[in-house]
Amino acid sequence: IVFYFRLSKDDIFEIHHQTTKFLAQQIDFERLRP
């Protein structure tokens, strides 16, 4: 949690965006698996 204070709001937003995109890809992968 401490490292968040060193990040700008844009950095946090980008990390959140990348994480959300990654999770979405993982969910799609699970869904497509037979």
PDB file of N, CA and C in Angstrom:
ATOM      1  N   ILE A   1       0.844  -1.201   0.000  1.00  0.00           N
ATOM      2  CA  ILE A   1       0.000   0.000   0.000  1.00  0.00           C
ATOM      3  C   ILE A   1       0.882   1.254   0.000  1.00  0.00           C
ATOM      4  N   VAL A   2       2.014   1.174   0.662  1.00  0.00           N
ATOM      5  CA  VAL A   2       2.887   2.342   0.792  1.00  0.00           C
ATOM      6  C   VAL A   2       3.341   2.866  -0.565  1.00  0.00           C
ATOM      7  N   PHE A   3       3.632   1.952  -1.503  1.00  0.00           N
ATOM      8  CA  PHE A   3       4.190   2.387  -2.773  1.00  0.00           C
ATOM      9  C   PHE A   3       3.202   3.234  -3.580  1.00  0.00           C
ATOM     10  N   TYR A   4       1.923   3.126  -3.263  1.00  0.00           N
ATOM     11  CA  TYR A   4       0.929   3.917  -3.986  1.00  0.00           C
ATOM     12  C   TYR A   4       1.171   5.410  -3.816  1.00  0.00           C
ATOM     13  N   PHE A   5       1.718   5.803  -2.673  1.00  0.00           N
ATOM     14  CA  PHE A   5       1.948   7.220  -2.414  1.00  0.00           C
ATOM     15  C   PHE A   5       3.017   7.786  -3.341  1.00  0.00           C
ATOM     16  N   ARG A   6       3.862   6.927  -3.901  1.00  0.00           N
ATOM     17  CA  ARG A   6       4.914   7.390  -4.800  1.00  0.00           C
ATOM     18  C   ARG A   6       4.414   7.519  -6.237  1.00  0.00           C
ATOM     19  N   LEU A   7       3.240   6.973  -6.487  1.00  0.00           N
ATOM     20  CA  LEU A   7       2.716   6.997  -7.845  1.00  0.00           C
ATOM     21  C   LEU A   7       1.767   8.182  -8.036  1.00  0.00           C
ATOM     22  N   SER A   8       1.770   8.716  -9.238  1.00  0.00           N
ATOM     23  CA  SER A   8       0.824   9.778  -9.551  1.00  0.00           C
ATOM     24  C   SER A   8      -0.537   9.138  -9.820  1.00  0.00           C
ATOM     25  N   LYS A   9      -1.555   9.940  -9.881  1.00  0.00           N
ATOM     26  CA  LYS A   9      -2.891   9.398 -10.151  1.00  0.00           C
ATOM     27  C   LYS A   9      -2.928   8.744 -11.529  1.00  0.00           C
ATOM     28  N   ASP A  10      -2.183   9.311 -12.473  1.00  0.00           N
ATOM     29  CA  ASP A  10      -2.144   8.721 -13.811  1.00  0.00           C
ATOM     30  C   ASP A  10      -1.502   7.341 -13.781  1.00  0.00           C
ATOM     31  N   ASP A  11      -0.452   7.194 -12.973  1.00  0.00           N
ATOM     32  CA  ASP A  11       0.209   5.894 -12.858  1.00  0.00           C
ATOM     33  C   ASP A  11      -0.740   4.865 -12.270  1.00  0.00           C
ATOM     34  N   ILE A  12      -1.446   5.265 -11.217  1.00  0.00           N
ATOM     35  CA  ILE A  12      -2.394   4.349 -10.579  1.00  0.00           C
ATOM     36  C   ILE A  12      -3.494   3.964 -11.557  1.00  0.00           C
ATOM     37  N   PHE A  13      -3.975   4.944 -12.315  1.00  0.00           N
ATOM     38  CA  PHE A  13      -5.029   4.672 -13.294  1.00  0.00           C
ATOM     39  C   PHE A  13      -4.541   3.686 -14.348  1.00  0.00           C
ATOM     40  N   GLU A  14      -3.304   3.885 -14.820  1.00  0.00           N
ATOM     41  CA  GLU A  14      -2.740   3.007 -15.851  1.00  0.00           C
ATOM     42  C   GLU A  14      -2.588   1.586 -15.323  1.00  0.00           C
ATOM     43  N   ILE A  15      -2.087   1.460 -14.090  1.00  0.00           N
ATOM     44  CA  ILE A  15      -1.935   0.137 -13.488  1.00  0.00           C
ATOM     45  C   ILE A  15      -3.305  -0.535 -13.354  1.00  0.00           C
ATOM     46  N   HIS A  16      -4.277   0.225 -12.902  1.00  0.00           N
ATOM     47  CA  HIS A  16      -5.627  -0.317 -12.741  1.00  0.00           C
ATOM     48  C   HIS A  16      -6.184  -0.742 -14.096  1.00  0.00           C
ATOM     49  N   HIS A  17      -5.955   0.087 -15.123  1.00  0.00           N
ATOM     50  CA  HIS A  17      -6.447  -0.223 -16.461  1.00  0.00           C
ATOM     51  C   HIS A  17      -5.817  -1.505 -16.991  1.00  0.00           C
ATOM     52  N   GLN A  18      -4.491  -1.623 -16.846  1.00  0.00           N
ATOM     53  CA  GLN A  18      -3.789  -2.816 -17.325  1.00  0.00           C
ATOM     54  C   GLN A  18      -4.251  -4.061 -16.568  1.00  0.00           C
ATOM     55  N   THR A  19      -4.447  -3.923 -15.250  1.00  0.00           N
ATOM     56  CA  THR A  19      -4.892  -5.053 -14.446  1.00  0.00           C
ATOM     57  C   THR A  19      -6.292  -5.486 -14.865  1.00  0.00           C
ATOM     58  N   THR A  20      -7.170  -4.507 -15.074  1.00  0.00           N
ATOM     59  CA  THR A  20      -8.540  -4.813 -15.483  1.00  0.00           C
ATOM     60  C   THR A  20      -8.545  -5.509 -16.836  1.00  0.00           C
ATOM     61  N   LYS A  21      -7.711  -5.007 -17.750  1.00  0.00           N
ATOM     62  CA  LYS A  21      -7.645  -5.607 -19.087  1.00  0.00           C
ATOM     63  C   LYS A  21      -7.128  -7.034 -19.008  1.00  0.00           C
ATOM     64  N   PHE A  22      -6.108  -7.242 -18.164  1.00  0.00           N
ATOM     65  CA  PHE A  22      -5.536  -8.574 -17.998  1.00  0.00           C
ATOM     66  C   PHE A  22      -6.581  -9.532 -17.441  1.00  0.00           C
ATOM     67  N   LEU A  23      -7.326  -9.081 -16.426  1.00  0.00           N
ATOM     68  CA  LEU A  23      -8.345  -9.934 -15.823  1.00  0.00           C
ATOM     69  C   LEU A  23      -9.442 -10.249 -16.832  1.00  0.00           C
ATOM     70  N   ALA A  24      -9.782  -9.277 -17.647  1.00  0.00           N
ATOM     71  CA  ALA A  24     -10.811  -9.497 -18.662  1.00  0.00           C
ATOM     72  C   ALA A  24     -10.358 -10.554 -19.659  1.00  0.00           C
ATOM     73  N   GLN A  25      -9.077 -10.505 -20.031  1.00  0.00           N
ATOM     74  CA  GLN A  25      -8.537 -11.507 -20.952  1.00  0.00           C
ATOM     75  C   GLN A  25      -8.552 -12.888 -20.316  1.00  0.00           C
ATOM     76  N   GLN A  26      -8.228 -12.959 -19.029  1.00  0.00           N
ATOM     77  CA  GLN A  26      -8.238 -14.243 -18.328  1.00  0.00           C
ATOM     78  C   GLN A  26      -9.654 -14.810 -18.276  1.00  0.00           C
ATOM     79  N   ILE A  27     -10.629 -13.954 -18.020  1.00  0.00           N
ATOM     80  CA  ILE A  27     -12.024 -14.397 -17.960  1.00  0.00           C
ATOM     81  C   ILE A  27     -12.467 -14.906 -19.329  1.00  0.00           C
ATOM     82  N   ASP A  28     -12.096 -14.184 -20.388  1.00  0.00           N
ATOM     83  CA  ASP A  28     -12.454 -14.615 -21.738  1.00  0.00           C
ATOM     84  C   ASP A  28     -11.815 -15.964 -22.045  1.00  0.00           C
ATOM     85  N   PHE A  29     -10.575 -16.149 -21.609  1.00  0.00           N
ATOM     86  CA  PHE A  29      -9.864 -17.398 -21.854  1.00  0.00           C
ATOM     87  C   PHE A  29     -10.585 -18.552 -21.160  1.00  0.00           C
ATOM     88  N   GLU A  30     -10.995 -18.312 -19.919  1.00  0.00           N
ATOM     89  CA  GLU A  30     -11.704 -19.353 -19.173  1.00  0.00           C
ATOM     90  C   GLU A  30     -13.035 -19.684 -19.857  1.00  0.00           C
ATOM     91  N   ARG A  31     -13.686 -18.660 -20.370  1.00  0.00           N
ATOM     92  CA  ARG A  31     -14.990 -18.845 -21.001  1.00  0.00           C
ATOM     93  C   ARG A  31     -14.871 -19.651 -22.290  1.00  0.00           C
ATOM     94  N   LEU A  32     -13.773 -19.427 -23.030  1.00  0.00           N
ATOM     95  CA  LEU A  32     -13.608 -20.103 -24.317  1.00  0.00           C
ATOM     96  C   LEU A  32     -13.117 -21.531 -24.157  1.00  0.00           C
ATOM     97  N   ARG A  33     -12.572 -21.832 -22.991  1.00  0.00           N
ATOM     98  CA  ARG A  33     -12.066 -23.190 -22.763  1.00  0.00           C
ATOM     99  C   ARG A  33     -13.234 -24.173 -22.685  1.00  0.00           C
ATOM    100  N   PRO A  34     -13.175 -25.275 -23.411  1.00  0.00           N
ATOM    101  CA  PRO A  34     -14.259 -26.267 -23.413  1.00  0.00           C
ATOM    102  C   PRO A  34     -14.412 -26.974 -22.067  1.00  0.00           C
TER     103      PRO A  34
END
